[in-house]
Amino acid sequence: YILTTLKLISGIHDTHANIWSGNI
């Protein structure tokens, strides 16, 4: 789930867009 979400976020190609807060 977290990797699919990260792939979705990465798809907008914005260096500000990532998964933050040290996701466990």
PDB file of all heavy atoms in Angstrom:
ATOM      1  N   TYR A   1       0.837  -1.213   0.000  1.00  0.00           N
ATOM      2  CA  TYR A   1       0.000   0.000   0.000  1.00  0.00           C
ATOM      3  C   TYR A   1       0.867   1.257   0.000  1.00  0.00           C
ATOM      4  O   TYR A   1       0.624   2.189  -0.777  1.00  0.00           O
ATOM      5  CB  TYR A   1      -0.923  -0.027   1.216  1.00  0.00           C
ATOM      6  CG  TYR A   1      -1.678   1.260   1.462  1.00  0.00           C
ATOM      7  CD1 TYR A   1      -2.542   1.787   0.502  1.00  0.00           C
ATOM      8  CD2 TYR A   1      -1.533   1.958   2.664  1.00  0.00           C
ATOM      9  CE1 TYR A   1      -3.237   2.976   0.728  1.00  0.00           C
ATOM     10  CE2 TYR A   1      -2.227   3.140   2.894  1.00  0.00           C
ATOM     11  CZ  TYR A   1      -3.077   3.649   1.926  1.00  0.00           C
ATOM     12  OH  TYR A   1      -3.759   4.821   2.149  1.00  0.00           O
ATOM     13  N   ILE A   2       1.897   1.287   0.830  1.00  0.00           N
ATOM     14  CA  ILE A   2       2.726   2.494   0.906  1.00  0.00           C
ATOM     15  C   ILE A   2       3.508   2.685  -0.389  1.00  0.00           C
ATOM     16  O   ILE A   2       3.690   3.810  -0.867  1.00  0.00           O
ATOM     17  CB  ILE A   2       3.670   2.443   2.135  1.00  0.00           C
ATOM     18  CG1 ILE A   2       4.119   3.860   2.518  1.00  0.00           C
ATOM     19  CG2 ILE A   2       4.877   1.581   1.905  1.00  0.00           C
ATOM     20  CD1 ILE A   2       3.063   4.659   3.189  1.00  0.00           C
ATOM     21  N   LEU A   3       3.955   1.588  -1.017  1.00  0.00           N
ATOM     22  CA  LEU A   3       4.712   1.713  -2.259  1.00  0.00           C
ATOM     23  C   LEU A   3       3.816   2.139  -3.420  1.00  0.00           C
ATOM     24  O   LEU A   3       4.243   2.913  -4.289  1.00  0.00           O
ATOM     25  CB  LEU A   3       5.420   0.395  -2.581  1.00  0.00           C
ATOM     26  CG  LEU A   3       6.562   0.011  -1.634  1.00  0.00           C
ATOM     27  CD1 LEU A   3       7.145  -1.346  -2.012  1.00  0.00           C
ATOM     28  CD2 LEU A   3       7.662   1.068  -1.634  1.00  0.00           C
ATOM     29  N   THR A   4       2.581   1.649  -3.451  1.00  0.00           N
ATOM     30  CA  THR A   4       1.648   2.086  -4.490  1.00  0.00           C
ATOM     31  C   THR A   4       1.330   3.566  -4.327  1.00  0.00           C
ATOM     32  O   THR A   4       1.267   4.324  -5.305  1.00  0.00           O
ATOM     33  CB  THR A   4       0.356   1.256  -4.438  1.00  0.00           C
ATOM     34  OG1 THR A   4       0.668  -0.122  -4.628  1.00  0.00           O
ATOM     35  CG2 THR A   4      -0.620   1.694  -5.528  1.00  0.00           C
ATOM     36  N   THR A   5       1.140   3.997  -3.078  1.00  0.00           N
ATOM     37  CA  THR A   5       0.880   5.418  -2.824  1.00  0.00           C
ATOM     38  C   THR A   5       2.075   6.263  -3.231  1.00  0.00           C
ATOM     39  O   THR A   5       1.926   7.340  -3.825  1.00  0.00           O
ATOM     40  CB  THR A   5       0.547   5.637  -1.345  1.00  0.00           C
ATOM     41  OG1 THR A   5      -0.544   4.794  -0.960  1.00  0.00           O
ATOM     42  CG2 THR A   5       0.169   7.084  -1.079  1.00  0.00           C
ATOM     43  N   LEU A   6       3.288   5.797  -2.926  1.00  0.00           N
ATOM     44  CA  LEU A   6       4.490   6.538  -3.306  1.00  0.00           C
ATOM     45  C   LEU A   6       4.627   6.607  -4.826  1.00  0.00           C
ATOM     46  O   LEU A   6       5.028   7.643  -5.381  1.00  0.00           O
ATOM     47  CB  LEU A   6       5.727   5.888  -2.689  1.00  0.00           C
ATOM     48  CG  LEU A   6       7.066   6.560  -2.995  1.00  0.00           C
ATOM     49  CD1 LEU A   6       7.058   8.026  -2.590  1.00  0.00           C
ATOM     50  CD2 LEU A   6       8.202   5.825  -2.275  1.00  0.00           C
ATOM     51  N   LYS A   7       4.281   5.523  -5.508  1.00  0.00           N
ATOM     52  CA  LYS A   7       4.326   5.533  -6.974  1.00  0.00           C
ATOM     53  C   LYS A   7       3.334   6.549  -7.533  1.00  0.00           C
ATOM     54  O   LYS A   7       3.641   7.278  -8.488  1.00  0.00           O
ATOM     55  CB  LYS A   7       4.008   4.134  -7.503  1.00  0.00           C
ATOM     56  CG  LYS A   7       4.094   4.002  -9.012  1.00  0.00           C
ATOM     57  CD  LYS A   7       3.776   2.576  -9.443  1.00  0.00           C
ATOM     58  CE  LYS A   7       3.795   2.431 -10.964  1.00  0.00           C
ATOM     59  NZ  LYS A   7       3.405   1.062 -11.386  1.00  0.00           N
ATOM     60  N   LEU A   8       2.146   6.626  -6.933  1.00  0.00           N
ATOM     61  CA  LEU A   8       1.145   7.620  -7.343  1.00  0.00           C
ATOM     62  C   LEU A   8       1.683   9.029  -7.145  1.00  0.00           C
ATOM     63  O   LEU A   8       1.594   9.881  -8.043  1.00  0.00           O
ATOM     64  CB  LEU A   8      -0.131   7.418  -6.528  1.00  0.00           C
ATOM     65  CG  LEU A   8      -1.227   8.482  -6.663  1.00  0.00           C
ATOM     66  CD1 LEU A   8      -1.859   8.419  -8.046  1.00  0.00           C
ATOM     67  CD2 LEU A   8      -2.286   8.292  -5.569  1.00  0.00           C
ATOM     68  N   ILE A   9       2.244   9.297  -5.970  1.00  0.00           N
ATOM     69  CA  ILE A   9       2.792  10.619  -5.651  1.00  0.00           C
ATOM     70  C   ILE A   9       3.954  10.966  -6.579  1.00  0.00           C
ATOM     71  O   ILE A   9       4.063  12.090  -7.078  1.00  0.00           O
ATOM     72  CB  ILE A   9       3.222  10.663  -4.177  1.00  0.00           C
ATOM     73  CG1 ILE A   9       1.990  10.568  -3.265  1.00  0.00           C
ATOM     74  CG2 ILE A   9       4.036  11.910  -3.870  1.00  0.00           C
ATOM     75  CD1 ILE A   9       2.320  10.302  -1.814  1.00  0.00           C
ATOM     76  N   SER A  10       4.819   9.994  -6.828  1.00  0.00           N
ATOM     77  CA  SER A  10       5.977  10.233  -7.693  1.00  0.00           C
ATOM     78  C   SER A  10       5.546  10.592  -9.104  1.00  0.00           C
ATOM     79  O   SER A  10       6.291  11.268  -9.833  1.00  0.00           O
ATOM     80  CB  SER A  10       6.878   8.998  -7.720  1.00  0.00           C
ATOM     81  OG  SER A  10       7.348   8.666  -6.429  1.00  0.00           O
ATOM     82  N   GLY A  11       4.349  10.166  -9.487  1.00  0.00           N
ATOM     83  CA  GLY A  11       3.876  10.381 -10.846  1.00  0.00           C
ATOM     84  C   GLY A  11       3.600  11.819 -11.202  1.00  0.00           C
ATOM     85  O   GLY A  11       3.456  12.140 -12.394  1.00  0.00           O
ATOM     86  N   ILE A  12       3.504  12.722 -10.213  1.00  0.00           N
ATOM     87  CA  ILE A  12       3.274  14.132 -10.572  1.00  0.00           C
ATOM     88  C   ILE A  12       4.595  14.864 -10.808  1.00  0.00           C
ATOM     89  O   ILE A  12       4.595  16.029 -11.196  1.00  0.00           O
ATOM     90  CB  ILE A  12       2.422  14.869  -9.526  1.00  0.00           C
ATOM     91  CG1 ILE A  12       3.196  15.124  -8.226  1.00  0.00           C
ATOM     92  CG2 ILE A  12       1.125  14.124  -9.255  1.00  0.00           C
ATOM     93  CD1 ILE A  12       2.477  16.072  -7.273  1.00  0.00           C
ATOM     94  N   HIS A  13       5.718  14.212 -10.551  1.00  0.00           N
ATOM     95  CA  HIS A  13       7.047  14.765 -10.844  1.00  0.00           C
ATOM     96  C   HIS A  13       7.252  16.133 -10.218  1.00  0.00           C
ATOM     97  O   HIS A  13       7.464  17.143 -10.894  1.00  0.00           O
ATOM     98  CB  HIS A  13       7.288  14.811 -12.353  1.00  0.00           C
ATOM     99  CG  HIS A  13       7.222  13.471 -13.015  1.00  0.00           C
ATOM    100  ND1 HIS A  13       8.164  12.500 -12.785  1.00  0.00           N
ATOM    101  CD2 HIS A  13       6.310  12.930 -13.858  1.00  0.00           C
ATOM    102  CE1 HIS A  13       7.850  11.413 -13.481  1.00  0.00           C
ATOM    103  NE2 HIS A  13       6.733  11.650 -14.130  1.00  0.00           N
ATOM    104  N   ASP A  14       7.192  16.144  -8.900  1.00  0.00           N
ATOM    105  CA  ASP A  14       7.394  17.359  -8.118  1.00  0.00           C
ATOM    106  C   ASP A  14       8.301  16.982  -6.958  1.00  0.00           C
ATOM    107  O   ASP A  14       7.946  16.124  -6.139  1.00  0.00           O
ATOM    108  CB  ASP A  14       6.042  17.871  -7.615  1.00  0.00           C
ATOM    109  CG  ASP A  14       6.149  19.122  -6.758  1.00  0.00           C
ATOM    110  OD1 ASP A  14       7.258  19.693  -6.673  1.00  0.00           O
ATOM    111  OD2 ASP A  14       5.132  19.536  -6.170  1.00  0.00           O
ATOM    112  N   THR A  15       9.470  17.608  -6.870  1.00  0.00           N
ATOM    113  CA  THR A  15      10.428  17.237  -5.828  1.00  0.00           C
ATOM    114  C   THR A  15       9.881  17.516  -4.435  1.00  0.00           C
ATOM    115  O   THR A  15      10.328  16.915  -3.461  1.00  0.00           O
ATOM    116  CB  THR A  15      11.770  17.974  -6.045  1.00  0.00           C
ATOM    117  OG1 THR A  15      12.185  17.795  -7.406  1.00  0.00           O
ATOM    118  CG2 THR A  15      12.855  17.410  -5.144  1.00  0.00           C
ATOM    119  N   HIS A  16       8.898  18.411  -4.321  1.00  0.00           N
ATOM    120  CA  HIS A  16       8.243  18.622  -3.023  1.00  0.00           C
ATOM    121  C   HIS A  16       7.337  17.456  -2.646  1.00  0.00           C
ATOM    122  O   HIS A  16       6.970  17.298  -1.480  1.00  0.00           O
ATOM    123  CB  HIS A  16       7.398  19.895  -3.060  1.00  0.00           C
ATOM    124  CG  HIS A  16       8.192  21.147  -2.900  1.00  0.00           C
ATOM    125  ND1 HIS A  16       7.851  22.328  -3.535  1.00  0.00           N
ATOM    126  CD2 HIS A  16       9.299  21.423  -2.180  1.00  0.00           C
ATOM    127  CE1 HIS A  16       8.719  23.270  -3.208  1.00  0.00           C
ATOM    128  NE2 HIS A  16       9.605  22.750  -2.394  1.00  0.00           N
ATOM    129  N   ALA A  17       6.921  16.674  -3.638  1.00  0.00           N
ATOM    130  CA  ALA A  17       5.961  15.595  -3.409  1.00  0.00           C
ATOM    131  C   ALA A  17       6.717  14.309  -3.084  1.00  0.00           C
ATOM    132  O   ALA A  17       7.456  13.789  -3.903  1.00  0.00           O
ATOM    133  CB  ALA A  17       5.090  15.400  -4.642  1.00  0.00           C
ATOM    134  N   ASN A  18       6.519  13.805  -1.891  1.00  0.00           N
ATOM    135  CA  ASN A  18       7.166  12.574  -1.462  1.00  0.00           C
ATOM    136  C   ASN A  18       6.355  12.059  -0.292  1.00  0.00           C
ATOM    137  O   ASN A  18       5.323  12.643   0.056  1.00  0.00           O
ATOM    138  CB  ASN A  18       8.625  12.835  -1.059  1.00  0.00           C
ATOM    139  CG  ASN A  18       9.529  11.652  -1.334  1.00  0.00           C
ATOM    140  OD1 ASN A  18       9.159  10.514  -1.093  1.00  0.00           O
ATOM    141  ND2 ASN A  18      10.712  11.922  -1.854  1.00  0.00           N
ATOM    142  N   ILE A  19       6.780  10.994   0.334  1.00  0.00           N
ATOM    143  CA  ILE A  19       6.178  10.571   1.596  1.00  0.00           C
ATOM    144  C   ILE A  19       7.125  11.000   2.694  1.00  0.00           C
ATOM    145  O   ILE A  19       8.284  10.574   2.749  1.00  0.00           O
ATOM    146  CB  ILE A  19       5.926   9.055   1.633  1.00  0.00           C
ATOM    147  CG1 ILE A  19       4.793   8.702   0.658  1.00  0.00           C
ATOM    148  CG2 ILE A  19       5.556   8.612   3.046  1.00  0.00           C
ATOM    149  CD1 ILE A  19       4.453   7.237   0.603  1.00  0.00           C
ATOM    150  N   TRP A  20       6.634  11.885   3.570  1.00  0.00           N
ATOM    151  CA  TRP A  20       7.451  12.481   4.604  1.00  0.00           C
ATOM    152  C   TRP A  20       7.128  11.869   5.967  1.00  0.00           C
ATOM    153  O   TRP A  20       6.359  10.929   6.063  1.00  0.00           O
ATOM    154  CB  TRP A  20       7.238  13.994   4.627  1.00  0.00           C
ATOM    155  CG  TRP A  20       7.452  14.637   3.294  1.00  0.00           C
ATOM    156  CD1 TRP A  20       6.504  15.043   2.416  1.00  0.00           C
ATOM    157  CD2 TRP A  20       8.718  14.915   2.664  1.00  0.00           C
ATOM    158  NE1 TRP A  20       7.082  15.572   1.281  1.00  0.00           N
ATOM    159  CE2 TRP A  20       8.435  15.506   1.410  1.00  0.00           C
ATOM    160  CE3 TRP A  20      10.051  14.733   3.043  1.00  0.00           C
ATOM    161  CZ2 TRP A  20       9.438  15.911   0.528  1.00  0.00           C
ATOM    162  CZ3 TRP A  20      11.046  15.141   2.170  1.00  0.00           C
ATOM    163  CH2 TRP A  20      10.746  15.720   0.936  1.00  0.00           C
ATOM    164  N   SER A  21       7.743  12.396   7.000  1.00  0.00           N
ATOM    165  CA  SER A  21       7.532  12.010   8.401  1.00  0.00           C
ATOM    166  C   SER A  21       8.158  10.673   8.758  1.00  0.00           C
ATOM    167  O   SER A  21       7.771  10.044   9.730  1.00  0.00           O
ATOM    168  CB  SER A  21       6.033  11.972   8.747  1.00  0.00           C
ATOM    169  OG  SER A  21       5.468  13.245   8.598  1.00  0.00           O
ATOM    170  N   GLY A  22       9.152  10.235   7.983  1.00  0.00           N
ATOM    171  CA  GLY A  22       9.846   9.007   8.349  1.00  0.00           C
ATOM    172  C   GLY A  22       8.911   7.824   8.439  1.00  0.00           C
ATOM    173  O   GLY A  22       8.922   7.081   9.419  1.00  0.00           O
ATOM    174  N   ASN A  23       8.077   7.613   7.419  1.00  0.00           N
ATOM    175  CA  ASN A  23       7.091   6.539   7.429  1.00  0.00           C
ATOM    176  C   ASN A  23       7.746   5.200   7.751  1.00  0.00           C
ATOM    177  O   ASN A  23       8.722   4.787   7.107  1.00  0.00           O
ATOM    178  CB  ASN A  23       6.399   6.489   6.064  1.00  0.00           C
ATOM    179  CG  ASN A  23       5.300   5.479   6.006  1.00  0.00           C
ATOM    180  OD1 ASN A  23       5.547   4.302   5.758  1.00  0.00           O
ATOM    181  ND2 ASN A  23       4.073   5.928   6.244  1.00  0.00           N
ATOM    182  N   ILE A  24       7.225   4.517   8.767  1.00  0.00           N
ATOM    183  CA  ILE A  24       7.855   3.294   9.280  1.00  0.00           C
ATOM    184  C   ILE A  24       7.913   2.211   8.207  1.00  0.00           C
ATOM    185  O   ILE A  24       8.947   1.551   8.019  1.00  0.00           O
ATOM    186  CB  ILE A  24       7.103   2.786  10.523  1.00  0.00           C
ATOM    187  CG1 ILE A  24       7.248   3.787  11.663  1.00  0.00           C
ATOM    188  CG2 ILE A  24       7.626   1.418  10.951  1.00  0.00           C
ATOM    189  CD1 ILE A  24       6.413   3.451  12.884  1.00  0.00           C
TER     190      ILE A  24
END
